Amino acid sequence: MLRNSTFLNLLLLLVVLSCALSVVTSQHRARKLYDELQKQKGIAQQMDVEWGQLQLEQSTLARPARVEKIAIQQLQMQMPKNGQVQFIQGTPDGRVKP
């Protein structure tokens, strides 16, 4: 009888130890995952800031006045005269009317 209770106690001790180790392991894994989540949130926030800056830069570079200035100064382009403009009408199917 004493032998059976000792065996049962050892078995229960092993079960308790394995449960404790699995709790420690899962807590460690959860902390590592939480740390990684926080890092990824920081990266996402930095990307949002960069995206906003890029949108602002794009709107600055694409201003019509800036585009016109570059076209005139660097590309030597000029606005067409009245007789140089032709209007072409298209049909809904994409063909050009003669």
PDB file of N, CA and C in Angstrom:
ATOM      1  N   MET A   1       0.821  -1.187   0.000  1.00  0.00           N
ATOM      2  CA  MET A   1       0.000   0.000   0.000  1.00  0.00           C
ATOM      3  C   MET A   1       0.866   1.253   0.000  1.00  0.00           C
ATOM      4  N   LEU A   2       1.892   1.280   0.831  1.00  0.00           N
ATOM      5  CA  LEU A   2       2.792   2.426   0.913  1.00  0.00           C
ATOM      6  C   LEU A   2       3.515   2.629  -0.411  1.00  0.00           C
ATOM      7  N   ARG A   3       3.824   1.542  -1.054  1.00  0.00           N
ATOM      8  CA  ARG A   3       4.509   1.605  -2.329  1.00  0.00           C
ATOM      9  C   ARG A   3       3.620   2.253  -3.405  1.00  0.00           C
ATOM     10  N   ASN A   4       2.347   1.921  -3.439  1.00  0.00           N
ATOM     11  CA  ASN A   4       1.411   2.494  -4.402  1.00  0.00           C
ATOM     12  C   ASN A   4       1.231   3.986  -4.184  1.00  0.00           C
ATOM     13  N   SER A   5       1.150   4.400  -2.924  1.00  0.00           N
ATOM     14  CA  SER A   5       0.972   5.837  -2.641  1.00  0.00           C
ATOM     15  C   SER A   5       2.239   6.615  -2.988  1.00  0.00           C
ATOM     16  N   THR A   6       3.409   6.034  -2.800  1.00  0.00           N
ATOM     17  CA  THR A   6       4.657   6.685  -3.164  1.00  0.00           C
ATOM     18  C   THR A   6       4.738   6.833  -4.679  1.00  0.00           C
ATOM     19  N   PHE A   7       4.359   5.781  -5.392  1.00  0.00           N
ATOM     20  CA  PHE A   7       4.348   5.847  -6.853  1.00  0.00           C
ATOM     21  C   PHE A   7       3.362   6.906  -7.348  1.00  0.00           C
ATOM     22  N   LEU A   8       2.191   6.941  -6.725  1.00  0.00           N
ATOM     23  CA  LEU A   8       1.185   7.924  -7.098  1.00  0.00           C
ATOM     24  C   LEU A   8       1.672   9.336  -6.798  1.00  0.00           C
ATOM     25  N   ASN A   9       2.329   9.511  -5.652  1.00  0.00           N
ATOM     26  CA  ASN A   9       2.876  10.834  -5.306  1.00  0.00           C
ATOM     27  C   ASN A   9       3.945  11.268  -6.300  1.00  0.00           C
ATOM     28  N   LEU A  10       4.814  10.380  -6.700  1.00  0.00           N
ATOM     29  CA  LEU A  10       5.834  10.712  -7.680  1.00  0.00           C
ATOM     30  C   LEU A  10       5.204  11.040  -9.030  1.00  0.00           C
ATOM     31  N   LEU A  11       4.194  10.283  -9.404  1.00  0.00           N
ATOM     32  CA  LEU A  11       3.497  10.546 -10.650  1.00  0.00           C
ATOM     33  C   LEU A  11       2.827  11.919 -10.623  1.00  0.00           C
ATOM     34  N   LEU A  12       2.167  12.232  -9.535  1.00  0.00           N
ATOM     35  CA  LEU A  12       1.527  13.545  -9.399  1.00  0.00           C
ATOM     36  C   LEU A  12       2.566  14.664  -9.385  1.00  0.00           C
ATOM     37  N   LEU A  13       3.716  14.426  -8.754  1.00  0.00           N
ATOM     38  CA  LEU A  13       4.790  15.417  -8.732  1.00  0.00           C
ATOM     39  C   LEU A  13       5.280  15.689 -10.154  1.00  0.00           C
ATOM     40  N   LEU A  14       5.458  14.634 -10.934  1.00  0.00           N
ATOM     41  CA  LEU A  14       5.883  14.804 -12.317  1.00  0.00           C
ATOM     42  C   LEU A  14       4.832  15.558 -13.142  1.00  0.00           C
ATOM     43  N   VAL A  15       3.565  15.267 -12.927  1.00  0.00           N
ATOM     44  CA  VAL A  15       2.500  15.962 -13.641  1.00  0.00           C
ATOM     45  C   VAL A  15       2.503  17.444 -13.259  1.00  0.00           C
ATOM     46  N   VAL A  16       2.641  17.746 -11.982  1.00  0.00           N
ATOM     47  CA  VAL A  16       2.656  19.140 -11.520  1.00  0.00           C
ATOM     48  C   VAL A  16       3.864  19.872 -12.087  1.00  0.00           C
ATOM     49  N   LEU A  17       5.029  19.239 -12.088  1.00  0.00           N
ATOM     50  CA  LEU A  17       6.229  19.867 -12.638  1.00  0.00           C
ATOM     51  C   LEU A  17       6.081  20.121 -14.141  1.00  0.00           C
ATOM     52  N   SER A  18       5.543  19.141 -14.866  1.00  0.00           N
ATOM     53  CA  SER A  18       5.373  19.354 -16.301  1.00  0.00           C
ATOM     54  C   SER A  18       4.355  20.459 -16.575  1.00  0.00           C
ATOM     55  N   CYS A  19       3.295  20.555 -15.781  1.00  0.00           N
ATOM     56  CA  CYS A  19       2.325  21.649 -15.934  1.00  0.00           C
ATOM     57  C   CYS A  19       2.985  22.995 -15.638  1.00  0.00           C
ATOM     58  N   ALA A  20       3.796  23.037 -14.596  1.00  0.00           N
ATOM     59  CA  ALA A  20       4.473  24.289 -14.240  1.00  0.00           C
ATOM     60  C   ALA A  20       5.431  24.716 -15.352  1.00  0.00           C
ATOM     61  N   LEU A  21       6.171  23.759 -15.906  1.00  0.00           N
ATOM     62  CA  LEU A  21       7.082  24.086 -17.004  1.00  0.00           C
ATOM     63  C   LEU A  21       6.328  24.554 -18.242  1.00  0.00           C
ATOM     64  N   SER A  22       5.186  23.939 -18.523  1.00  0.00           N
ATOM     65  CA  SER A  22       4.420  24.381 -19.688  1.00  0.00           C
ATOM     66  C   SER A  22       3.831  25.778 -19.473  1.00  0.00           C
ATOM     67  N   VAL A  23       3.455  26.111 -18.237  1.00  0.00           N
ATOM     68  CA  VAL A  23       2.966  27.468 -17.946  1.00  0.00           C
ATOM     69  C   VAL A  23       4.083  28.476 -18.142  1.00  0.00           C
ATOM     70  N   VAL A  24       5.273  28.158 -17.648  1.00  0.00           N
ATOM     71  CA  VAL A  24       6.411  29.062 -17.799  1.00  0.00           C
ATOM     72  C   VAL A  24       6.750  29.243 -19.278  1.00  0.00           C
ATOM     73  N   THR A  25       6.746  28.150 -20.003  1.00  0.00           N
ATOM     74  CA  THR A  25       7.049  28.217 -21.432  1.00  0.00           C
ATOM     75  C   THR A  25       6.023  29.051 -22.187  1.00  0.00           C
ATOM     76  N   SER A  26       4.759  28.841 -21.896  1.00  0.00           N
ATOM     77  CA  SER A  26       3.721  29.599 -22.600  1.00  0.00           C
ATOM     78  C   SER A  26       3.758  31.080 -22.221  1.00  0.00           C
ATOM     79  N   GLN A  27       4.066  31.394 -20.966  1.00  0.00           N
ATOM     80  CA  GLN A  27       4.200  32.800 -20.555  1.00  0.00           C
ATOM     81  C   GLN A  27       5.370  33.468 -21.276  1.00  0.00           C
ATOM     82  N   HIS A  28       6.477  32.745 -21.380  1.00  0.00           N
ATOM     83  CA  HIS A  28       7.647  33.278 -22.079  1.00  0.00           C
ATOM     84  C   HIS A  28       7.314  33.530 -23.553  1.00  0.00           C
ATOM     85  N   ARG A  29       6.643  32.578 -24.172  1.00  0.00           N
ATOM     86  CA  ARG A  29       6.253  32.721 -25.575  1.00  0.00           C
ATOM     87  C   ARG A  29       5.293  33.897 -25.753  1.00  0.00           C
ATOM     88  N   ALA A  30       4.349  34.035 -24.833  1.00  0.00           N
ATOM     89  CA  ALA A  30       3.390  35.142 -24.912  1.00  0.00           C
ATOM     90  C   ALA A  30       4.099  36.486 -24.778  1.00  0.00           C
ATOM     91  N   ARG A  31       5.080  36.578 -23.899  1.00  0.00           N
ATOM     92  CA  ARG A  31       5.829  37.837 -23.740  1.00  0.00           C
ATOM     93  C   ARG A  31       6.647  38.152 -24.986  1.00  0.00           C
ATOM     94  N   LYS A  32       7.258  37.139 -25.568  1.00  0.00           N
ATOM     95  CA  LYS A  32       8.020  37.365 -26.799  1.00  0.00           C
ATOM     96  C   LYS A  32       7.102  37.831 -27.927  1.00  0.00           C
ATOM     97  N   LEU A  33       5.931  37.210 -28.036  1.00  0.00           N
ATOM     98  CA  LEU A  33       4.989  37.614 -29.080  1.00  0.00           C
ATOM     99  C   LEU A  33       4.462  39.028 -28.843  1.00  0.00           C
ATOM    100  N   TYR A  34       4.224  39.379 -27.593  1.00  0.00           N
ATOM    101  CA  TYR A  34       3.758  40.728 -27.275  1.00  0.00           C
ATOM    102  C   TYR A  34       4.838  41.752 -27.619  1.00  0.00           C
ATOM    103  N   ASP A  35       6.082  41.416 -27.316  1.00  0.00           N
ATOM    104  CA  ASP A  35       7.192  42.306 -27.647  1.00  0.00           C
ATOM    105  C   ASP A  35       7.284  42.493 -29.162  1.00  0.00           C
ATOM    106  N   GLU A  36       7.141  41.423 -29.918  1.00  0.00           N
ATOM    107  CA  GLU A  36       7.170  41.501 -31.381  1.00  0.00           C
ATOM    108  C   GLU A  36       5.994  42.321 -31.899  1.00  0.00           C
ATOM    109  N   LEU A  37       4.835  42.165 -31.284  1.00  0.00           N
ATOM    110  CA  LEU A  37       3.664  42.956 -31.672  1.00  0.00           C
ATOM    111  C   LEU A  37       3.922  44.443 -31.473  1.00  0.00           C
ATOM    112  N   GLN A  38       4.526  44.797 -30.359  1.00  0.00           N
ATOM    113  CA  GLN A  38       4.821  46.205 -30.088  1.00  0.00           C
ATOM    114  C   GLN A  38       5.824  46.757 -31.099  1.00  0.00           C
ATOM    115  N   LYS A  39       6.822  45.960 -31.459  1.00  0.00           N
ATOM    116  CA  LYS A  39       7.786  46.396 -32.473  1.00  0.00           C
ATOM    117  C   LYS A  39       7.095  46.631 -33.807  1.00  0.00           C
ATOM    118  N   GLN A  40       6.213  45.708 -34.190  1.00  0.00           N
ATOM    119  CA  GLN A  40       5.515  45.841 -35.469  1.00  0.00           C
ATOM    120  C   GLN A  40       4.569  47.043 -35.464  1.00  0.00           C
ATOM    121  N   LYS A  41       3.947  47.323 -34.325  1.00  0.00           N
ATOM    122  CA  LYS A  41       3.098  48.516 -34.229  1.00  0.00           C
ATOM    123  C   LYS A  41       3.932  49.782 -34.400  1.00  0.00           C
ATOM    124  N   GLY A  42       5.133  49.794 -33.833  1.00  0.00           N
ATOM    125  CA  GLY A  42       6.031  50.936 -34.004  1.00  0.00           C
ATOM    126  C   GLY A  42       6.437  51.115 -35.458  1.00  0.00           C
ATOM    127  N   ILE A  43       6.738  50.010 -36.117  1.00  0.00           N
ATOM    128  CA  ILE A  43       7.094  50.078 -37.536  1.00  0.00           C
ATOM    129  C   ILE A  43       5.917  50.585 -38.354  1.00  0.00           C
ATOM    130  N   ALA A  44       4.711  50.105 -38.041  1.00  0.00           N
ATOM    131  CA  ALA A  44       3.508  50.554 -38.763  1.00  0.00           C
ATOM    132  C   ALA A  44       3.291  52.050 -38.560  1.00  0.00           C
ATOM    133  N   GLN A  45       3.536  52.517 -37.350  1.00  0.00           N
ATOM    134  CA  GLN A  45       3.372  53.951 -37.080  1.00  0.00           C
ATOM    135  C   GLN A  45       4.403  54.768 -37.866  1.00  0.00           C
ATOM    136  N   GLN A  46       5.639  54.292 -37.924  1.00  0.00           N
ATOM    137  CA  GLN A  46       6.665  54.980 -38.704  1.00  0.00           C
ATOM    138  C   GLN A  46       6.292  55.006 -40.185  1.00  0.00           C
ATOM    139  N   MET A  47       5.737  53.915 -40.672  1.00  0.00           N
ATOM    140  CA  MET A  47       5.328  53.871 -42.073  1.00  0.00           C
ATOM    141  C   MET A  47       4.168  54.829 -42.340  1.00  0.00           C
ATOM    142  N   ASP A  48       3.258  54.957 -41.388  1.00  0.00           N
ATOM    143  CA  ASP A  48       2.159  55.922 -41.552  1.00  0.00           C
ATOM    144  C   ASP A  48       2.701  57.338 -41.643  1.00  0.00           C
ATOM    145  N   VAL A  49       3.676  57.653 -40.797  1.00  0.00           N
ATOM    146  CA  VAL A  49       4.287  58.982 -40.837  1.00  0.00           C
ATOM    147  C   VAL A  49       4.977  59.203 -42.179  1.00  0.00           C
ATOM    148  N   GLU A  50       5.739  58.201 -42.623  1.00  0.00           N
ATOM    149  CA  GLU A  50       6.436  58.315 -43.899  1.00  0.00           C
ATOM    150  C   GLU A  50       5.443  58.448 -45.056  1.00  0.00           C
ATOM    151  N   TRP A  51       4.330  57.708 -44.992  1.00  0.00           N
ATOM    152  CA  TRP A  51       3.308  57.794 -46.032  1.00  0.00           C
ATOM    153  C   TRP A  51       2.730  59.210 -46.097  1.00  0.00           C
ATOM    154  N   GLY A  52       2.465  59.796 -44.945  1.00  0.00           N
ATOM    155  CA  GLY A  52       1.970  61.169 -44.913  1.00  0.00           C
ATOM    156  C   GLY A  52       2.971  62.149 -45.505  1.00  0.00           C
ATOM    157  N   GLN A  53       4.244  61.945 -45.183  1.00  0.00           N
ATOM    158  CA  GLN A  53       5.278  62.824 -45.729  1.00  0.00           C
ATOM    159  C   GLN A  53       5.382  62.673 -47.248  1.00  0.00           C
ATOM    160  N   LEU A  54       5.277  61.440 -47.733  1.00  0.00           N
ATOM    161  CA  LEU A  54       5.344  61.211 -49.179  1.00  0.00           C
ATOM    162  C   LEU A  54       4.142  61.818 -49.897  1.00  0.00           C
ATOM    163  N   GLN A  55       2.966  61.740 -49.283  1.00  0.00           N
ATOM    164  CA  GLN A  55       1.791  62.358 -49.890  1.00  0.00           C
ATOM    165  C   GLN A  55       1.947  63.871 -49.959  1.00  0.00           C
ATOM    166  N   LEU A  56       2.485  64.452 -48.893  1.00  0.00           N
ATOM    167  CA  LEU A  56       2.718  65.891 -48.879  1.00  0.00           C
ATOM    168  C   LEU A  56       3.740  66.278 -49.940  1.00  0.00           C
ATOM    169  N   GLU A  57       4.809  65.499 -50.053  1.00  0.00           N
ATOM    170  CA  GLU A  57       5.832  65.770 -51.054  1.00  0.00           C
ATOM    171  C   GLU A  57       5.268  65.647 -52.469  1.00  0.00           C
ATOM    172  N   GLN A  58       4.441  64.623 -52.679  1.00  0.00           N
ATOM    173  CA  GLN A  58       3.830  64.448 -54.005  1.00  0.00           C
ATOM    174  C   GLN A  58       2.927  65.625 -54.351  1.00  0.00           C
ATOM    175  N   SER A  59       2.124  66.067 -53.386  1.00  0.00           N
ATOM    176  CA  SER A  59       1.239  67.195 -53.675  1.00  0.00           C
ATOM    177  C   SER A  59       2.038  68.470 -53.941  1.00  0.00           C
ATOM    178  N   THR A  60       3.182  68.614 -53.272  1.00  0.00           N
ATOM    179  CA  THR A  60       4.035  69.777 -53.514  1.00  0.00           C
ATOM    180  C   THR A  60       4.665  69.718 -54.898  1.00  0.00           C
ATOM    181  N   LEU A  61       5.168  68.539 -55.264  1.00  0.00           N
ATOM    182  CA  LEU A  61       5.841  68.402 -56.556  1.00  0.00           C
ATOM    183  C   LEU A  61       4.871  68.452 -57.736  1.00  0.00           C
ATOM    184  N   ALA A  62       3.621  68.092 -57.518  1.00  0.00           N
ATOM    185  CA  ALA A  62       2.660  68.032 -58.617  1.00  0.00           C
ATOM    186  C   ALA A  62       1.800  69.297 -58.720  1.00  0.00           C
ATOM    187  N   ARG A  63       2.142  70.342 -57.987  1.00  0.00           N
ATOM    188  CA  ARG A  63       1.372  71.590 -58.090  1.00  0.00           C
ATOM    189  C   ARG A  63       1.403  72.087 -59.530  1.00  0.00           C
ATOM    190  N   PRO A  64       0.261  72.511 -60.064  1.00  0.00           N
ATOM    191  CA  PRO A  64       0.229  72.970 -61.460  1.00  0.00           C
ATOM    192  C   PRO A  64       1.202  74.121 -61.733  1.00  0.00           C
ATOM    193  N   ALA A  65       1.353  75.032 -60.790  1.00  0.00           N
ATOM    194  CA  ALA A  65       2.265  76.155 -61.013  1.00  0.00           C
ATOM    195  C   ALA A  65       3.711  75.665 -61.136  1.00  0.00           C
ATOM    196  N   ARG A  66       4.090  74.699 -60.338  1.00  0.00           N
ATOM    197  CA  ARG A  66       5.454  74.154 -60.391  1.00  0.00           C
ATOM    198  C   ARG A  66       5.677  73.412 -61.698  1.00  0.00           C
ATOM    199  N   VAL A  67       4.699  72.611 -62.106  1.00  0.00           N
ATOM    200  CA  VAL A  67       4.814  71.860 -63.357  1.00  0.00           C
ATOM    201  C   VAL A  67       4.932  72.836 -64.536  1.00  0.00           C
ATOM    202  N   GLU A  68       4.129  73.875 -64.523  1.00  0.00           N
ATOM    203  CA  GLU A  68       4.185  74.858 -65.605  1.00  0.00           C
ATOM    204  C   GLU A  68       5.532  75.573 -65.627  1.00  0.00           C
ATOM    205  N   LYS A  69       6.052  75.921 -64.463  1.00  0.00           N
ATOM    206  CA  LYS A  69       7.347  76.611 -64.382  1.00  0.00           C
ATOM    207  C   LYS A  69       8.464  75.727 -64.951  1.00  0.00           C
ATOM    208  N   ILE A  70       8.467  74.455 -64.591  1.00  0.00           N
ATOM    209  CA  ILE A  70       9.491  73.533 -65.101  1.00  0.00           C
ATOM    210  C   ILE A  70       9.335  73.352 -66.606  1.00  0.00           C
ATOM    211  N   ALA A  71       8.074  73.246 -67.082  1.00  0.00           N
ATOM    212  CA  ALA A  71       7.837  73.073 -68.519  1.00  0.00           C
ATOM    213  C   ALA A  71       8.374  74.265 -69.297  1.00  0.00           C
ATOM    214  N   ILE A  72       8.190  75.465 -68.761  1.00  0.00           N
ATOM    215  CA  ILE A  72       8.635  76.666 -69.470  1.00  0.00           C
ATOM    216  C   ILE A  72      10.145  76.837 -69.373  1.00  0.00           C
ATOM    217  N   GLN A  73      10.701  76.720 -68.154  1.00  0.00           N
ATOM    218  CA  GLN A  73      12.120  77.021 -67.950  1.00  0.00           C
ATOM    219  C   GLN A  73      13.047  75.901 -68.415  1.00  0.00           C
ATOM    220  N   GLN A  74      12.777  74.686 -68.033  1.00  0.00           N
ATOM    221  CA  GLN A  74      13.711  73.600 -68.330  1.00  0.00           C
ATOM    222  C   GLN A  74      13.442  72.930 -69.671  1.00  0.00           C
ATOM    223  N   LEU A  75      12.183  72.833 -70.060  1.00  0.00           N
ATOM    224  CA  LEU A  75      11.848  72.133 -71.295  1.00  0.00           C
ATOM    225  C   LEU A  75      11.558  73.085 -72.455  1.00  0.00           C
ATOM    226  N   GLN A  76      11.610  74.374 -72.198  1.00  0.00           N
ATOM    227  CA  GLN A  76      11.330  75.405 -73.199  1.00  0.00           C
ATOM    228  C   GLN A  76       9.974  75.171 -73.893  1.00  0.00           C
ATOM    229  N   MET A  77       8.989  74.776 -73.140  1.00  0.00           N
ATOM    230  CA  MET A  77       7.649  74.577 -73.682  1.00  0.00           C
ATOM    231  C   MET A  77       6.885  75.894 -73.586  1.00  0.00           C
ATOM    232  N   GLN A  78       5.851  76.024 -74.393  1.00  0.00           N
ATOM    233  CA  GLN A  78       5.033  77.242 -74.337  1.00  0.00           C
ATOM    234  C   GLN A  78       3.587  76.870 -74.605  1.00  0.00           C
ATOM    235  N   MET A  79       2.691  77.727 -74.181  1.00  0.00           N
ATOM    236  CA  MET A  79       1.269  77.498 -74.406  1.00  0.00           C
ATOM    237  C   MET A  79       0.986  77.628 -75.897  1.00  0.00           C
ATOM    238  N   PRO A  80       0.125  76.770 -76.449  1.00  0.00           N
ATOM    239  CA  PRO A  80      -0.185  76.858 -77.883  1.00  0.00           C
ATOM    240  C   PRO A  80      -1.008  78.109 -78.194  1.00  0.00           C
ATOM    241  N   LYS A  81      -0.830  78.605 -79.377  1.00  0.00           N
ATOM    242  CA  LYS A  81      -1.598  79.769 -79.827  1.00  0.00           C
ATOM    243  C   LYS A  81      -3.010  79.307 -80.190  1.00  0.00           C
ATOM    244  N   ASN A  82      -3.882  80.284 -80.428  1.00  0.00           N
ATOM    245  CA  ASN A  82      -5.278  79.960 -80.720  1.00  0.00           C
ATOM    246  C   ASN A  82      -5.433  79.068 -81.947  1.00  0.00           C
ATOM    247  N   GLY A  83      -4.694  79.298 -82.973  1.00  0.00           N
ATOM    248  CA  GLY A  83      -4.824  78.510 -84.197  1.00  0.00           C
ATOM    249  C   GLY A  83      -4.181  77.136 -84.104  1.00  0.00           C
ATOM    250  N   GLN A  84      -3.398  76.891 -83.067  1.00  0.00           N
ATOM    251  CA  GLN A  84      -2.680  75.621 -82.946  1.00  0.00           C
ATOM    252  C   GLN A  84      -3.477  74.555 -82.197  1.00  0.00           C
ATOM    253  N   VAL A  85      -4.610  74.909 -81.643  1.00  0.00           N
ATOM    254  CA  VAL A  85      -5.388  73.961 -80.846  1.00  0.00           C
ATOM    255  C   VAL A  85      -6.467  73.341 -81.726  1.00  0.00           C
ATOM    256  N   GLN A  86      -6.575  72.023 -81.707  1.00  0.00           N
ATOM    257  CA  GLN A  86      -7.617  71.314 -82.441  1.00  0.00           C
ATOM    258  C   GLN A  86      -8.387  70.443 -81.466  1.00  0.00           C
ATOM    259  N   PHE A  87      -9.696  70.426 -81.609  1.00  0.00           N
ATOM    260  CA  PHE A  87     -10.547  69.598 -80.768  1.00  0.00           C
ATOM    261  C   PHE A  87     -11.011  68.397 -81.582  1.00  0.00           C
ATOM    262  N   ILE A  88     -10.931  67.238 -80.995  1.00  0.00           N
ATOM    263  CA  ILE A  88     -11.335  66.003 -81.666  1.00  0.00           C
ATOM    264  C   ILE A  88     -12.441  65.384 -80.834  1.00  0.00           C
ATOM    265  N   GLN A  89     -13.547  65.039 -81.496  1.00  0.00           N
ATOM    266  CA  GLN A  89     -14.650  64.417 -80.792  1.00  0.00           C
ATOM    267  C   GLN A  89     -14.565  62.915 -80.956  1.00  0.00           C
ATOM    268  N   GLY A  90     -14.890  62.220 -79.908  1.00  0.00           N
ATOM    269  CA  GLY A  90     -14.910  60.768 -79.962  1.00  0.00           C
ATOM    270  C   GLY A  90     -16.316  60.250 -79.776  1.00  0.00           C
ATOM    271  N   THR A  91     -16.515  58.999 -80.141  1.00  0.00           N
ATOM    272  CA  THR A  91     -17.808  58.358 -79.942  1.00  0.00           C
ATOM    273  C   THR A  91     -17.716  57.485 -78.702  1.00  0.00           C
ATOM    274  N   PRO A  92     -18.862  57.051 -78.157  1.00  0.00           N
ATOM    275  CA  PRO A  92     -18.827  56.211 -76.951  1.00  0.00           C
ATOM    276  C   PRO A  92     -18.060  54.915 -77.119  1.00  0.00           C
ATOM    277  N   ASP A  93     -17.956  54.403 -78.359  1.00  0.00           N
ATOM    278  CA  ASP A  93     -17.218  53.156 -78.565  1.00  0.00           C
ATOM    279  C   ASP A  93     -15.715  53.391 -78.735  1.00  0.00           C
ATOM    280  N   GLY A  94     -15.272  54.637 -78.626  1.00  0.00           N
ATOM    281  CA  GLY A  94     -13.840  54.942 -78.657  1.00  0.00           C
ATOM    282  C   GLY A  94     -13.308  55.370 -79.991  1.00  0.00           C
ATOM    283  N   ARG A  95     -14.144  55.400 -81.011  1.00  0.00           N
ATOM    284  CA  ARG A  95     -13.679  55.831 -82.337  1.00  0.00           C
ATOM    285  C   ARG A  95     -13.691  57.352 -82.424  1.00  0.00           C
ATOM    286  N   VAL A  96     -12.879  57.867 -83.296  1.00  0.00           N
ATOM    287  CA  VAL A  96     -12.787  59.305 -83.512  1.00  0.00           C
ATOM    288  C   VAL A  96     -13.673  59.681 -84.699  1.00  0.00           C
ATOM    289  N   LYS A  97     -14.478  60.707 -84.500  1.00  0.00           N
ATOM    290  CA  LYS A  97     -15.339  61.191 -85.601  1.00  0.00           C
ATOM    291  C   LYS A  97     -14.483  61.971 -86.591  1.00  0.00           C
ATOM    292  N   PRO A  98     -14.740  61.778 -87.885  1.00  0.00           N
ATOM    293  CA  PRO A  98     -13.959  62.520 -88.904  1.00  0.00           C
ATOM    294  C   PRO A  98     -14.381  63.966 -88.970  1.00  0.00           C
TER     295      PRO A  98
END
